[in-house]
Amino acid sequence: MTRSVPPEGFTRRQTQVVGLIAAGYSADEIARSLGISARTVRAHSDALRTKLRVARRSQIPAAFLWRTGVDPFTLVVR
């Protein structure tokens, strides 16, 4: 399933980052995949951790699913 509109409260880029974190990508791999810097990826991860109220990056996908009802594995990078 491809989502063209991100869930409410999240940007398109944040949903892309969530999907790639769920797929097991490192910050460097996410950066290469999205054409952004690893520092920007870490900033997105920090913002997501704050929004989702989790302490660890690895908790982001599960918290995203719980909060939005959207399975992060269905998120497609565009």
Protein backbone atom coordinates (compact mmCIF):
# COMPACT_ATOMS: atom_id res chain seq x y z
CA MET A 1 0.00 0.00 0.00
CA THR A 2 1.31 3.45 -0.87
CA ARG A 3 0.37 6.39 1.30
CA SER A 4 0.51 9.72 -0.50
CA VAL A 5 -0.84 11.66 2.49
CA PRO A 6 0.97 11.25 5.80
CA PRO A 7 -1.01 10.54 8.96
CA GLU A 8 -2.18 13.65 10.80
CA GLY A 9 0.57 15.22 12.86
CA PHE A 10 3.41 13.82 10.76
CA THR A 11 5.21 15.17 7.72
CA ARG A 12 5.77 13.16 4.56
CA ARG A 13 9.50 13.04 5.32
CA GLN A 14 8.88 11.83 8.87
CA THR A 15 6.74 8.98 7.58
CA GLN A 16 9.49 8.05 5.13
CA VAL A 17 12.01 7.98 7.98
CA VAL A 18 9.66 5.83 10.10
CA GLY A 19 9.31 3.32 7.26
CA LEU A 20 13.06 3.06 6.78
CA ILE A 21 13.70 2.75 10.51
CA ALA A 22 11.14 -0.08 10.58
CA ALA A 23 13.00 -1.73 7.70
CA GLY A 24 16.21 -1.66 9.78
CA TYR A 25 18.09 1.07 7.95
CA SER A 26 20.83 2.99 9.76
CA ALA A 27 20.88 6.80 9.78
CA ASP A 28 23.54 6.76 7.05
CA GLU A 29 21.50 4.37 4.89
CA ILE A 30 18.35 6.47 5.36
CA ALA A 31 20.31 9.58 4.41
CA ARG A 32 21.58 7.99 1.19
CA SER A 33 18.13 6.64 0.35
CA LEU A 34 16.41 10.01 0.81
CA GLY A 35 19.23 12.22 -0.47
CA ILE A 36 19.62 14.10 2.83
CA SER A 37 22.37 14.26 5.43
CA ALA A 38 22.69 11.80 8.31
CA ARG A 39 22.45 14.78 10.64
CA THR A 40 19.02 15.63 9.16
CA VAL A 41 17.94 12.01 9.60
CA ARG A 42 18.96 12.18 13.27
CA ALA A 43 16.97 15.42 13.63
CA HIS A 44 13.90 13.70 12.15
CA SER A 45 14.44 10.74 14.48
CA ASP A 46 14.69 13.08 17.49
CA ALA A 47 11.49 14.87 16.46
CA LEU A 48 9.72 11.53 16.02
CA ARG A 49 10.90 10.28 19.42
CA THR A 50 9.53 13.46 21.00
CA LYS A 51 6.20 13.28 19.15
CA LEU A 52 5.77 9.61 19.94
CA ARG A 53 7.10 9.94 23.49
CA VAL A 54 9.62 7.13 23.25
CA ALA A 55 13.18 7.00 24.51
CA ARG A 56 14.80 4.89 21.79
CA ARG A 57 14.90 5.08 18.03
CA SER A 58 14.03 1.38 17.84
CA GLN A 59 10.69 2.12 19.55
CA ILE A 60 9.57 4.56 16.83
CA PRO A 61 7.89 2.06 14.46
CA ALA A 62 5.77 0.39 17.16
CA ALA A 63 4.78 3.74 18.69
CA PHE A 64 3.90 5.08 15.24
CA LEU A 65 1.66 2.07 14.58
CA TRP A 66 -0.03 2.44 17.96
CA ARG A 67 -0.59 6.19 17.52
CA THR A 68 -1.68 6.25 13.87
CA GLY A 69 -2.90 2.75 13.08
CA VAL A 70 -0.58 2.77 10.07
CA ASP A 71 1.84 -0.13 9.77
CA PRO A 72 5.28 1.42 9.15
CA PHE A 73 6.21 -1.49 6.88
CA THR A 74 3.59 -0.29 4.40
CA LEU A 75 5.21 3.13 4.03
CA VAL A 76 6.86 3.54 0.67
CA VAL A 77 9.68 6.01 0.04
CA ARG A 78 8.86 8.33 -2.84
